[in-house]
Amino acid sequence: MTKLNNAVIFITGAAGGFGRELTKQLLDKGSRLILTDLDLGILQAEVEAIQTMVTAGEVSQCFETDLANRAGCHYLYQQVMALNMPLDILINNAGIGMFGRMDEVPESKWEQ
């Protein structure tokens, strides 16, 4: 099992849903987090709300970027590399479902 205390963990899609819950749980375990989402204001508000409940761990940095395009990915890569904090864990949580349940998506949609 990976030790989460002081682990540097990078979470994409951190402002809501699974990302928000992962942020909360990993802070509770004492992790050091780097977070990103589409809207920095929403992300920072969620982090503030979580930090009123959880006093362990640390949010080292928050970034706003759109990972749906190459420029956003490149920007985020450059920003994270500039932190000079080797990552222990990446949780690539960003994204949305566009077609519904995976078992209901026609194969032709995957070939595009």
C-alpha atoms as a PDB file:
ATOM      1  CA  MET A   1       0.000   0.000   0.000  1.00  0.00           C
ATOM      2  CA  THR A   2       1.276   3.455  -0.898  1.00  0.00           C
ATOM      3  CA  LYS A   3       1.986   5.704   2.067  1.00  0.00           C
ATOM      4  CA  LEU A   4      -0.106   8.833   1.628  1.00  0.00           C
ATOM      5  CA  ASN A   5       1.358  10.966   4.414  1.00  0.00           C
ATOM      6  CA  ASN A   6       3.553  13.600   2.716  1.00  0.00           C
ATOM      7  CA  ALA A   7       2.994  11.974  -0.692  1.00  0.00           C
ATOM      8  CA  VAL A   8       2.881  14.526  -3.513  1.00  0.00           C
ATOM      9  CA  ILE A   9      -0.333  13.841  -5.421  1.00  0.00           C
ATOM     10  CA  PHE A  10      -1.575  15.613  -8.531  1.00  0.00           C
ATOM     11  CA  ILE A  11      -5.353  15.574  -9.124  1.00  0.00           C
ATOM     12  CA  THR A  12      -7.001  16.807 -12.315  1.00  0.00           C
ATOM     13  CA  GLY A  13     -10.687  17.689 -12.181  1.00  0.00           C
ATOM     14  CA  ALA A  14     -10.356  18.467  -8.480  1.00  0.00           C
ATOM     15  CA  ALA A  15     -13.183  20.984  -7.990  1.00  0.00           C
ATOM     16  CA  GLY A  16     -16.147  18.650  -7.978  1.00  0.00           C
ATOM     17  CA  GLY A  17     -17.430  15.111  -7.744  1.00  0.00           C
ATOM     18  CA  PHE A  18     -14.780  12.439  -7.356  1.00  0.00           C
ATOM     19  CA  GLY A  19     -11.972  15.011  -7.529  1.00  0.00           C
ATOM     20  CA  ARG A  20     -13.368  17.005  -4.617  1.00  0.00           C
ATOM     21  CA  GLU A  21     -13.866  13.869  -2.521  1.00  0.00           C
ATOM     22  CA  LEU A  22     -10.367  12.609  -3.346  1.00  0.00           C
ATOM     23  CA  THR A  23      -8.966  15.997  -2.345  1.00  0.00           C
ATOM     24  CA  LYS A  24     -10.757  15.785   0.992  1.00  0.00           C
ATOM     25  CA  GLN A  25      -9.694  12.213   1.723  1.00  0.00           C
ATOM     26  CA  LEU A  26      -6.068  12.689   0.667  1.00  0.00           C
ATOM     27  CA  LEU A  27      -5.698  15.862   2.716  1.00  0.00           C
ATOM     28  CA  ASP A  28      -7.051  13.914   5.675  1.00  0.00           C
ATOM     29  CA  LYS A  29      -4.243  11.377   5.127  1.00  0.00           C
ATOM     30  CA  GLY A  30      -1.611  14.138   5.216  1.00  0.00           C
ATOM     31  CA  SER A  31      -0.837  14.299   1.492  1.00  0.00           C
ATOM     32  CA  ARG A  32       0.621  17.281  -0.348  1.00  0.00           C
ATOM     33  CA  LEU A  33      -1.676  18.095  -3.265  1.00  0.00           C
ATOM     34  CA  ILE A  34      -1.348  19.841  -6.596  1.00  0.00           C
ATOM     35  CA  LEU A  35      -4.814  20.493  -8.008  1.00  0.00           C
ATOM     36  CA  THR A  36      -6.255  21.606 -11.311  1.00  0.00           C
ATOM     37  CA  ASP A  37      -9.682  22.285 -12.788  1.00  0.00           C
ATOM     38  CA  LEU A  38     -11.356  24.446 -15.425  1.00  0.00           C
ATOM     39  CA  ASP A  39     -12.264  27.297 -13.064  1.00  0.00           C
ATOM     40  CA  LEU A  40      -9.697  28.482 -10.516  1.00  0.00           C
ATOM     41  CA  GLY A  41     -12.269  30.432  -8.489  1.00  0.00           C
ATOM     42  CA  ILE A  42     -14.470  27.387  -8.002  1.00  0.00           C
ATOM     43  CA  LEU A  43     -11.444  25.196  -7.241  1.00  0.00           C
ATOM     44  CA  GLN A  44     -10.135  27.618  -4.608  1.00  0.00           C
ATOM     45  CA  ALA A  45     -13.582  27.927  -3.014  1.00  0.00           C
ATOM     46  CA  GLU A  46     -13.857  24.140  -2.775  1.00  0.00           C
ATOM     47  CA  VAL A  47     -10.367  23.899  -1.266  1.00  0.00           C
ATOM     48  CA  GLU A  48     -11.263  26.547   1.334  1.00  0.00           C
ATOM     49  CA  ALA A  49     -14.442  24.658   2.238  1.00  0.00           C
ATOM     50  CA  ILE A  50     -12.544  21.383   2.577  1.00  0.00           C
ATOM     51  CA  GLN A  51      -9.841  22.991   4.695  1.00  0.00           C
ATOM     52  CA  THR A  52     -12.468  24.093   7.231  1.00  0.00           C
ATOM     53  CA  MET A  53     -13.237  20.398   7.776  1.00  0.00           C
ATOM     54  CA  VAL A  54      -9.773  18.865   7.323  1.00  0.00           C
ATOM     55  CA  THR A  55      -6.697  20.391   8.922  1.00  0.00           C
ATOM     56  CA  ALA A  56      -4.134  17.784   7.852  1.00  0.00           C
ATOM     57  CA  GLY A  57      -2.274  17.733   4.552  1.00  0.00           C
ATOM     58  CA  GLU A  58      -1.436  20.658   2.325  1.00  0.00           C
ATOM     59  CA  VAL A  59      -2.613  22.066  -0.977  1.00  0.00           C
ATOM     60  CA  SER A  60       0.688  23.116  -2.525  1.00  0.00           C
ATOM     61  CA  GLN A  61      -0.719  24.671  -5.691  1.00  0.00           C
ATOM     62  CA  CYS A  62      -3.937  25.119  -7.668  1.00  0.00           C
ATOM     63  CA  PHE A  63      -4.005  25.638 -11.435  1.00  0.00           C
ATOM     64  CA  GLU A  64      -6.712  26.572 -13.899  1.00  0.00           C
ATOM     65  CA  THR A  65      -6.498  24.906 -17.285  1.00  0.00           C
ATOM     66  CA  ASP A  66      -8.536  23.137 -19.933  1.00  0.00           C
ATOM     67  CA  LEU A  67      -7.097  19.681 -20.490  1.00  0.00           C
ATOM     68  CA  ALA A  68      -9.330  19.121 -23.523  1.00  0.00           C
ATOM     69  CA  ASN A  69      -6.751  20.787 -25.758  1.00  0.00           C
ATOM     70  CA  ARG A  70      -3.023  20.451 -26.359  1.00  0.00           C
ATOM     71  CA  ALA A  71      -2.221  24.020 -25.268  1.00  0.00           C
ATOM     72  CA  GLY A  72      -3.890  23.485 -21.887  1.00  0.00           C
ATOM     73  CA  CYS A  73      -2.005  20.231 -21.362  1.00  0.00           C
ATOM     74  CA  HIS A  74       1.316  21.832 -22.301  1.00  0.00           C
ATOM     75  CA  TYR A  75       0.668  24.817 -20.018  1.00  0.00           C
ATOM     76  CA  LEU A  76      -0.131  22.554 -17.081  1.00  0.00           C
ATOM     77  CA  TYR A  77       2.934  20.389 -17.711  1.00  0.00           C
ATOM     78  CA  GLN A  78       5.170  23.478 -17.682  1.00  0.00           C
ATOM     79  CA  GLN A  79       3.592  24.807 -14.470  1.00  0.00           C
ATOM     80  CA  VAL A  80       3.910  21.514 -12.610  1.00  0.00           C
ATOM     81  CA  MET A  81       7.518  21.012 -13.757  1.00  0.00           C
ATOM     82  CA  ALA A  82       8.351  24.529 -12.510  1.00  0.00           C
ATOM     83  CA  LEU A  83       7.232  23.517  -9.002  1.00  0.00           C
ATOM     84  CA  ASN A  84      10.179  21.094  -8.844  1.00  0.00           C
ATOM     85  CA  MET A  85       8.110  18.665  -6.752  1.00  0.00           C
ATOM     86  CA  PRO A  86       8.446  15.088  -8.004  1.00  0.00           C
ATOM     87  CA  LEU A  87       5.012  13.457  -8.106  1.00  0.00           C
ATOM     88  CA  ASP A  88       4.297  10.270  -6.225  1.00  0.00           C
ATOM     89  CA  ILE A  89       0.790   9.772  -7.617  1.00  0.00           C
ATOM     90  CA  LEU A  90      -1.214  11.156 -10.557  1.00  0.00           C
ATOM     91  CA  ILE A  91      -5.005  10.973 -10.396  1.00  0.00           C
ATOM     92  CA  ASN A  92      -6.186  11.864 -13.882  1.00  0.00           C
ATOM     93  CA  ASN A  93      -9.811  12.559 -13.013  1.00  0.00           C
ATOM     94  CA  ALA A  94     -10.653  15.384 -15.450  1.00  0.00           C
ATOM     95  CA  GLY A  95     -13.258  14.724 -18.089  1.00  0.00           C
ATOM     96  CA  ILE A  96     -16.924  14.303 -18.790  1.00  0.00           C
ATOM     97  CA  GLY A  97     -19.003  11.527 -20.282  1.00  0.00           C
ATOM     98  CA  MET A  98     -20.467  12.461 -23.635  1.00  0.00           C
ATOM     99  CA  PHE A  99     -22.332   9.347 -24.702  1.00  0.00           C
ATOM    100  CA  GLY A 100     -23.895   7.862 -21.575  1.00  0.00           C
ATOM    101  CA  ARG A 101     -23.100   4.488 -20.061  1.00  0.00           C
ATOM    102  CA  MET A 102     -20.036   2.795 -21.517  1.00  0.00           C
ATOM    103  CA  ASP A 103     -21.902  -0.458 -22.148  1.00  0.00           C
ATOM    104  CA  GLU A 104     -24.499   1.448 -24.200  1.00  0.00           C
ATOM    105  CA  VAL A 105     -22.108   3.322 -26.519  1.00  0.00           C
ATOM    106  CA  PRO A 106     -22.176   2.007 -30.093  1.00  0.00           C
ATOM    107  CA  GLU A 107     -18.772   0.785 -31.277  1.00  0.00           C
ATOM    108  CA  SER A 108     -18.880   3.295 -34.127  1.00  0.00           C
ATOM    109  CA  LYS A 109     -18.489   6.130 -31.574  1.00  0.00           C
ATOM    110  CA  TRP A 110     -15.124   4.670 -30.467  1.00  0.00           C
ATOM    111  CA  GLU A 111     -13.774   4.557 -34.012  1.00  0.00           C
ATOM    112  CA  GLN A 112     -14.034   8.323 -34.553  1.00  0.00           C
END
